[in-house]
């Protein structure tokens, strides 16, 4: 009888440990009604922006300065049309100049929230998902932010030179930007990196992971957006996730993980970590899902613009939450613009 009780107690303790570990990994949050949210994400505009960026002659690699300049001009014009204060951060690598494009909303000074996406590509690839999708999301977010003036400054940044051979170097556009903030003693409340946000699939076994067993926790279908933070930023990940869930119904999985796991720091957020700023990444998980990663097949027709539009609404919800504001009820006709009741 004593042995049976010991075994039963051990089983209960093991179950509790499993539940605690699962809760730590999944970071469950519960939806809270925030009223009827403004609906801004437009699949048609997202498709148009991706098409425009992927049709630039010669592509958007570092070897095509004209192509990068064309992309920067397109982004600058779109930002300006949203009513943002648009600035450029020009820097040099050798004798070649490169440009980050920045759209600012809200106060001129004070704390900032950063949302960023890189606009360069690997040589010879259209770069629809990597990363015209992230830039298109950034441009659509600018249109959403144009509806009001936030109390906290929000900067949307389109970075250059994220891809090799500049990845993990001080020549990355995001490194230059993050360093400039630190040099100016700017306080950043949070940074959200948009890295490949357009590829989704409901096919079984379409989602891969860096570690065995993760599919048991997260599922094997590539139908979600991943929210990734480092080990010290669990509170930020939970806050962003909660606000995103309140802003839409695209599934979100989240994780705080060490940088030693492949993919955790594979984008521009890494440079904000380097300067001590809180940062997270939103991604469709890149090569863990998209078979067209860094390939000629990364074309606009492979992306899911309806899910991207949902995601933009959720990012808007998170940014407003971080800024201490919420977009609540008002336009009953917002959904009707997209043909939904």
Protein backbone atom coordinates (compact mmCIF):
# COMPACT_ATOMS: atom_id res chain seq x y z
CA UNK A 1 0.00 0.00 0.00
CA UNK A 2 2.84 2.40 0.88
CA UNK A 3 4.57 1.63 -2.43
CA UNK A 4 1.30 2.34 -4.28
CA UNK A 5 0.92 5.71 -2.55
CA UNK A 6 4.51 6.64 -3.38
CA UNK A 7 3.98 5.72 -7.03
CA UNK A 8 0.73 7.70 -7.12
CA UNK A 9 2.38 10.75 -5.56
CA UNK A 10 5.29 10.51 -7.99
CA UNK A 11 2.87 10.37 -10.91
CA UNK A 12 1.06 13.48 -9.66
CA UNK A 13 4.33 15.37 -9.21
CA UNK A 14 5.48 14.34 -12.70
CA UNK A 15 2.17 15.48 -14.20
CA UNK A 16 2.47 18.84 -12.46
CA UNK A 17 6.02 19.25 -13.73
CA UNK A 18 4.89 18.47 -17.28
CA UNK A 19 2.06 21.01 -16.99
CA UNK A 20 4.43 23.66 -15.65
CA UNK A 21 6.96 23.08 -18.42
CA UNK A 22 4.20 23.15 -21.04
CA UNK A 23 2.82 26.38 -19.59
CA UNK A 24 6.30 27.92 -19.63
CA UNK A 25 6.78 27.01 -23.29
CA UNK A 26 3.30 27.75 -24.63
CA UNK A 27 2.71 30.80 -22.43
CA UNK A 28 -1.07 30.46 -22.58
CA UNK A 29 -3.07 33.66 -22.54
CA UNK A 30 -6.79 34.20 -22.47
CA UNK A 31 -8.71 36.40 -24.83
CA UNK A 32 -10.12 39.55 -23.31
CA UNK A 33 -12.79 41.43 -25.16
CA UNK A 34 -11.64 44.95 -26.03
CA UNK A 35 -14.74 45.86 -27.97
CA UNK A 36 -14.87 46.04 -31.75
CA UNK A 37 -11.34 46.70 -32.99
CA UNK A 38 -10.62 48.88 -35.96
CA UNK A 39 -10.03 46.71 -39.00
CA UNK A 40 -7.28 48.04 -41.25
CA UNK A 41 -5.44 45.15 -42.84
CA UNK A 42 -6.21 45.06 -46.55
CA UNK A 43 -5.19 41.93 -48.53
CA UNK A 44 -5.33 43.84 -51.82
CA UNK A 45 -2.90 46.53 -50.69
CA UNK A 46 -0.59 43.94 -49.15
CA UNK A 47 -0.51 42.04 -52.43
CA UNK A 48 0.19 45.25 -54.36
CA UNK A 49 3.09 46.19 -52.10
CA UNK A 50 4.65 42.73 -52.33
CA UNK A 51 4.23 42.77 -56.12
CA UNK A 52 5.85 46.20 -56.39
CA UNK A 53 8.88 45.21 -54.32
CA UNK A 54 9.41 41.87 -56.04
CA UNK A 55 9.17 43.36 -59.54
CA UNK A 56 12.12 45.76 -59.13
CA UNK A 57 14.54 45.09 -62.01
CA UNK A 58 17.64 43.26 -60.83
CA UNK A 59 16.20 42.52 -57.40
CA UNK A 60 16.99 43.99 -53.99
CA UNK A 61 20.33 42.44 -53.10
CA UNK A 62 23.29 44.48 -51.90
CA UNK A 63 24.84 44.04 -55.35
CA UNK A 64 22.08 46.09 -56.97
CA UNK A 65 22.35 49.58 -55.51
CA UNK A 66 19.78 50.90 -57.98
CA UNK A 67 17.30 48.23 -56.94
CA UNK A 68 17.77 49.02 -53.25
CA UNK A 69 17.33 52.73 -53.98
CA UNK A 70 14.13 51.99 -55.88
CA UNK A 71 12.81 49.94 -52.97
CA UNK A 72 13.74 52.66 -50.47
CA UNK A 73 11.97 55.28 -52.60
CA UNK A 74 8.83 53.14 -52.79
CA UNK A 75 8.82 52.67 -49.02
CA UNK A 76 9.50 56.37 -48.40
CA UNK A 77 6.59 57.40 -50.65
CA UNK A 78 4.20 54.96 -49.00
CA UNK A 79 5.22 56.10 -45.52
CA UNK A 80 4.71 59.74 -46.53
CA UNK A 81 1.25 58.99 -47.90
CA UNK A 82 0.29 57.63 -44.48
CA UNK A 83 1.03 61.02 -42.93
CA UNK A 84 4.12 59.90 -41.02
CA UNK A 85 7.20 62.02 -40.42
CA UNK A 86 9.65 60.31 -42.78
CA UNK A 87 13.41 60.40 -42.35
CA UNK A 88 16.30 58.48 -43.84
CA UNK A 89 19.34 57.08 -42.08
CA UNK A 90 22.12 56.90 -44.65
CA UNK A 91 25.39 55.14 -43.90
CA UNK A 92 28.33 53.80 -45.83
CA UNK A 93 29.96 50.45 -46.31
CA UNK A 94 33.18 51.28 -48.07
CA UNK A 95 32.21 53.77 -50.77
CA UNK A 96 28.66 52.46 -51.19
CA UNK A 97 25.78 54.19 -49.41
CA UNK A 98 22.81 52.36 -47.91
CA UNK A 99 19.60 53.67 -46.42
CA UNK A 100 17.22 52.83 -43.58
CA UNK A 101 13.81 54.47 -44.05
CA UNK A 102 11.98 55.57 -40.89
CA UNK A 103 8.33 56.59 -40.40
CA UNK A 104 7.55 58.26 -37.07
CA UNK A 105 4.17 58.75 -35.41
CA UNK A 106 3.38 60.56 -32.17
CA UNK A 107 5.65 62.84 -30.12
CA UNK A 108 8.98 64.08 -31.40
CA UNK A 109 10.73 63.01 -28.20
CA UNK A 110 10.35 60.53 -25.36
CA UNK A 111 10.20 56.75 -25.19
CA UNK A 112 9.81 54.81 -28.42
CA UNK A 113 8.29 51.65 -29.76
CA UNK A 114 10.07 50.25 -32.82
CA UNK A 115 8.57 47.99 -35.48
CA UNK A 116 11.00 46.99 -38.19
CA UNK A 117 11.48 44.83 -41.28
CA UNK A 118 14.34 44.48 -43.75
CA UNK A 119 13.80 45.18 -47.43
CA UNK A 120 16.92 43.64 -48.98
CA UNK A 121 17.04 40.11 -50.40
CA UNK A 122 19.43 37.32 -51.20
CA UNK A 123 20.90 37.70 -54.68
CA UNK A 124 18.82 36.12 -57.44
CA UNK A 125 15.62 35.70 -55.39
CA UNK A 126 12.34 37.66 -55.71
CA UNK A 127 12.12 37.82 -51.91
CA UNK A 128 8.34 37.81 -51.59
CA UNK A 129 8.16 36.20 -48.17
CA UNK A 130 11.77 37.15 -47.35
CA UNK A 131 11.09 39.92 -46.77
CA UNK A 132 8.67 41.88 -48.96
CA UNK A 133 5.97 40.37 -46.74
CA UNK A 134 7.44 42.06 -43.65
CA UNK A 135 7.82 45.39 -45.45
CA UNK A 136 4.27 45.20 -46.81
CA UNK A 137 3.08 44.57 -43.25
CA UNK A 138 5.06 47.61 -42.11
CA UNK A 139 3.48 49.81 -44.80
CA UNK A 140 -0.01 48.59 -43.94
CA UNK A 141 0.67 49.22 -40.27
CA UNK A 142 1.63 52.81 -41.17
CA UNK A 143 -1.78 53.25 -42.81
CA UNK A 144 -3.45 51.96 -39.66
CA UNK A 145 -1.44 54.31 -37.44
CA UNK A 146 -2.50 57.27 -39.60
CA UNK A 147 -5.97 57.17 -38.02
CA UNK A 148 -4.78 58.84 -34.83
CA UNK A 149 -1.84 60.36 -32.98
CA UNK A 150 -0.38 57.98 -30.36
CA UNK A 151 0.82 59.35 -27.04
CA UNK A 152 4.02 57.30 -27.29
CA UNK A 153 6.35 57.72 -30.25
CA UNK A 154 6.17 54.82 -32.70
CA UNK A 155 8.91 54.38 -35.31
CA UNK A 156 8.47 52.02 -38.24
CA UNK A 157 11.87 51.20 -39.72
CA UNK A 158 12.66 49.56 -43.07
CA UNK A 159 16.19 48.21 -42.81
CA UNK A 160 18.77 47.49 -45.45
CA UNK A 161 21.54 44.84 -45.42
CA UNK A 162 20.03 42.15 -43.23
CA UNK A 163 21.08 39.36 -45.57
CA UNK A 164 24.52 37.79 -46.04
CA UNK A 165 27.30 38.80 -46.28
CA UNK A 166 26.26 41.49 -43.80
CA UNK A 167 24.20 39.36 -41.41
CA UNK A 168 25.75 39.33 -37.93
CA UNK A 169 27.96 42.30 -38.74
CA UNK A 170 27.93 45.96 -37.72
CA UNK A 171 26.96 46.86 -41.29
CA UNK A 172 23.41 45.56 -40.85
CA UNK A 173 20.93 48.40 -41.14
CA UNK A 174 19.29 47.36 -37.89
CA UNK A 175 22.65 47.45 -36.09
CA UNK A 176 23.25 50.98 -37.34
CA UNK A 177 19.77 52.02 -36.20
CA UNK A 178 19.93 50.36 -32.77
CA UNK A 179 23.38 51.80 -32.11
CA UNK A 180 22.19 55.29 -33.03
CA UNK A 181 19.41 54.99 -30.45
CA UNK A 182 21.82 53.84 -27.76
CA UNK A 183 24.30 56.60 -28.65
CA UNK A 184 21.48 59.15 -28.26
CA UNK A 185 20.35 57.57 -24.96
CA UNK A 186 16.89 56.88 -26.39
CA UNK A 187 14.72 54.61 -24.26
CA UNK A 188 13.04 51.88 -26.31
CA UNK A 189 9.99 50.31 -24.67
CA UNK A 190 9.90 47.44 -27.15
CA UNK A 191 11.01 46.44 -30.63
CA UNK A 192 8.97 44.11 -32.87
CA UNK A 193 10.74 42.56 -35.85
CA UNK A 194 8.69 41.39 -38.84
CA UNK A 195 10.65 38.59 -40.49
CA UNK A 196 8.81 36.61 -43.19
CA UNK A 197 5.12 36.87 -42.27
CA UNK A 198 3.32 35.70 -45.42
CA UNK A 199 3.61 31.92 -45.90
CA UNK A 200 0.94 29.68 -44.33
CA UNK A 201 -0.31 26.19 -45.03
CA UNK A 202 -2.86 23.85 -43.48
CA UNK A 203 -1.16 20.71 -44.77
CA UNK A 204 -0.29 18.11 -42.12
CA UNK A 205 3.44 17.81 -41.37
CA UNK A 206 4.17 21.10 -43.14
CA UNK A 207 5.81 22.65 -40.06
CA UNK A 208 9.30 21.74 -38.93
CA UNK A 209 11.16 22.76 -35.76
CA UNK A 210 14.74 23.07 -34.57
CA UNK A 211 14.24 20.52 -31.79
CA UNK A 212 12.58 17.13 -31.83
CA UNK A 213 9.38 16.97 -29.85
CA UNK A 214 8.33 20.57 -30.52
CA UNK A 215 5.66 19.43 -32.97
CA UNK A 216 3.97 17.60 -30.10
CA UNK A 217 3.58 20.94 -28.31
CA UNK A 218 3.02 23.33 -31.19
CA UNK A 219 1.45 21.13 -33.87
CA UNK A 220 2.66 20.05 -37.30
CA UNK A 221 0.72 22.45 -39.53
CA UNK A 222 2.20 25.74 -40.69
CA UNK A 223 -0.94 27.74 -39.98
CA UNK A 224 0.30 30.09 -37.25
CA UNK A 225 2.57 33.05 -36.66
CA UNK A 226 5.43 32.55 -34.21
CA UNK A 227 6.32 35.11 -31.55
CA UNK A 228 9.89 34.70 -30.34
CA UNK A 229 11.80 36.32 -27.50
CA UNK A 230 14.97 35.58 -25.58
CA UNK A 231 15.09 34.03 -22.16
CA UNK A 232 14.95 37.32 -20.28
CA UNK A 233 11.87 38.76 -21.98
CA UNK A 234 9.03 36.47 -21.04
CA UNK A 235 6.86 39.36 -19.81
CA UNK A 236 7.19 41.21 -23.12
CA UNK A 237 6.32 38.11 -25.12
CA UNK A 238 3.23 37.49 -22.99
CA UNK A 239 2.11 41.12 -23.25
CA UNK A 240 2.49 41.18 -27.04
CA UNK A 241 0.77 37.83 -27.41
CA UNK A 242 -2.16 38.85 -25.23
CA UNK A 243 -2.68 42.08 -27.16
CA UNK A 244 -2.41 40.29 -30.51
CA UNK A 245 -4.98 37.70 -29.49
CA UNK A 246 -7.33 40.55 -28.59
CA UNK A 247 -6.85 42.03 -32.05
CA UNK A 248 -7.63 39.05 -34.26
CA UNK A 249 -7.88 35.29 -34.65
CA UNK A 250 -4.71 34.25 -36.50
CA UNK A 251 -3.18 31.53 -34.29
CA UNK A 252 -0.08 32.61 -32.38
CA UNK A 253 2.52 30.36 -30.77
CA UNK A 254 5.16 31.90 -28.57
CA UNK A 255 8.46 30.91 -27.05
CA UNK A 256 11.30 32.34 -25.04
CA UNK A 257 14.42 30.47 -25.96
CA UNK A 258 18.22 30.75 -25.85
CA UNK A 259 19.98 32.18 -28.87
CA UNK A 260 21.82 28.89 -29.30
CA UNK A 261 18.68 27.39 -30.87
CA UNK A 262 18.91 27.91 -34.66
CA UNK A 263 16.56 30.64 -35.83
CA UNK A 264 15.96 32.42 -32.53
CA UNK A 265 18.15 35.40 -33.43
CA UNK A 266 18.07 35.13 -37.21
CA UNK A 267 16.87 38.65 -37.96
CA UNK A 268 17.08 42.31 -37.04
CA UNK A 269 15.85 41.99 -33.45
CA UNK A 270 19.25 40.51 -32.56
CA UNK A 271 20.84 43.95 -32.85
CA UNK A 272 18.45 45.50 -30.34
CA UNK A 273 19.30 42.71 -27.91
CA UNK A 274 22.95 43.61 -28.46
CA UNK A 275 22.29 47.11 -27.12
CA UNK A 276 20.12 45.96 -24.23
CA UNK A 277 16.76 46.80 -25.75
CA UNK A 278 13.71 44.52 -25.33
CA UNK A 279 12.84 42.95 -28.67
CA UNK A 280 10.76 40.13 -30.15
CA UNK A 281 10.37 38.61 -33.59
CA UNK A 282 7.19 37.72 -35.47
CA UNK A 283 7.80 35.12 -38.18
CA UNK A 284 6.18 32.36 -40.20
CA UNK A 285 9.34 30.44 -39.16
CA UNK A 286 11.14 30.82 -42.51
CA UNK A 287 13.01 27.65 -43.57
CA UNK A 288 11.18 25.60 -40.95
CA UNK A 289 8.04 26.00 -43.10
CA UNK A 290 8.57 27.78 -46.39
CA UNK A 291 10.20 25.52 -49.03
CA UNK A 292 10.98 28.63 -51.12
CA UNK A 293 13.30 30.17 -48.53
CA UNK A 294 16.24 31.92 -50.28
CA UNK A 295 15.13 30.41 -53.59
CA UNK A 296 13.74 31.62 -56.92
CA UNK A 297 10.35 30.18 -55.94
CA UNK A 298 9.83 32.86 -53.27
CA UNK A 299 7.23 34.64 -55.41
CA UNK A 300 4.14 36.75 -54.59
CA UNK A 301 1.68 34.03 -55.62
CA UNK A 302 2.89 31.75 -52.79
CA UNK A 303 1.75 34.09 -49.99
CA UNK A 304 -1.54 34.20 -48.07
CA UNK A 305 -2.62 37.83 -48.06
CA UNK A 306 -5.79 37.29 -46.04
CA UNK A 307 -3.82 35.86 -43.17
CA UNK A 308 -1.28 38.64 -43.55
CA UNK A 309 -4.10 41.19 -43.26
CA UNK A 310 -5.31 39.54 -40.06
CA UNK A 311 -1.79 39.67 -38.70
CA UNK A 312 -1.44 43.40 -39.42
CA UNK A 313 -4.56 44.03 -37.34
CA UNK A 314 -3.04 42.00 -34.52
CA UNK A 315 0.29 43.83 -34.74
CA UNK A 316 -1.59 47.12 -34.62
CA UNK A 317 -3.38 45.89 -31.50
CA UNK A 318 -0.05 44.99 -29.87
CA UNK A 319 1.60 48.29 -30.77
CA UNK A 320 -1.33 50.28 -29.40
CA UNK A 321 -1.25 48.21 -26.21
CA UNK A 322 2.46 48.84 -25.77
CA UNK A 323 1.82 52.54 -26.39
CA UNK A 324 -0.81 52.53 -23.67
CA UNK A 325 -3.72 52.92 -26.08
CA UNK A 326 -6.42 50.80 -27.62
CA UNK A 327 -8.29 51.08 -30.90
CA UNK A 328 -11.88 50.56 -29.78
CA UNK A 329 -15.31 50.55 -31.33
CA UNK A 330 -16.17 53.19 -33.76
CA UNK A 331 -16.37 52.27 -37.38
CA UNK A 332 -19.08 49.72 -37.93
CA UNK A 333 -18.34 49.96 -41.65
CA UNK A 334 -14.70 48.92 -41.26
CA UNK A 335 -15.32 45.25 -41.91
CA UNK A 336 -17.72 45.96 -44.76
CA UNK A 337 -14.80 47.45 -46.69
CA UNK A 338 -13.42 43.93 -46.97
CA UNK A 339 -16.74 42.28 -47.74
CA UNK A 340 -17.42 40.88 -44.28
CA UNK A 341 -20.48 41.63 -42.13
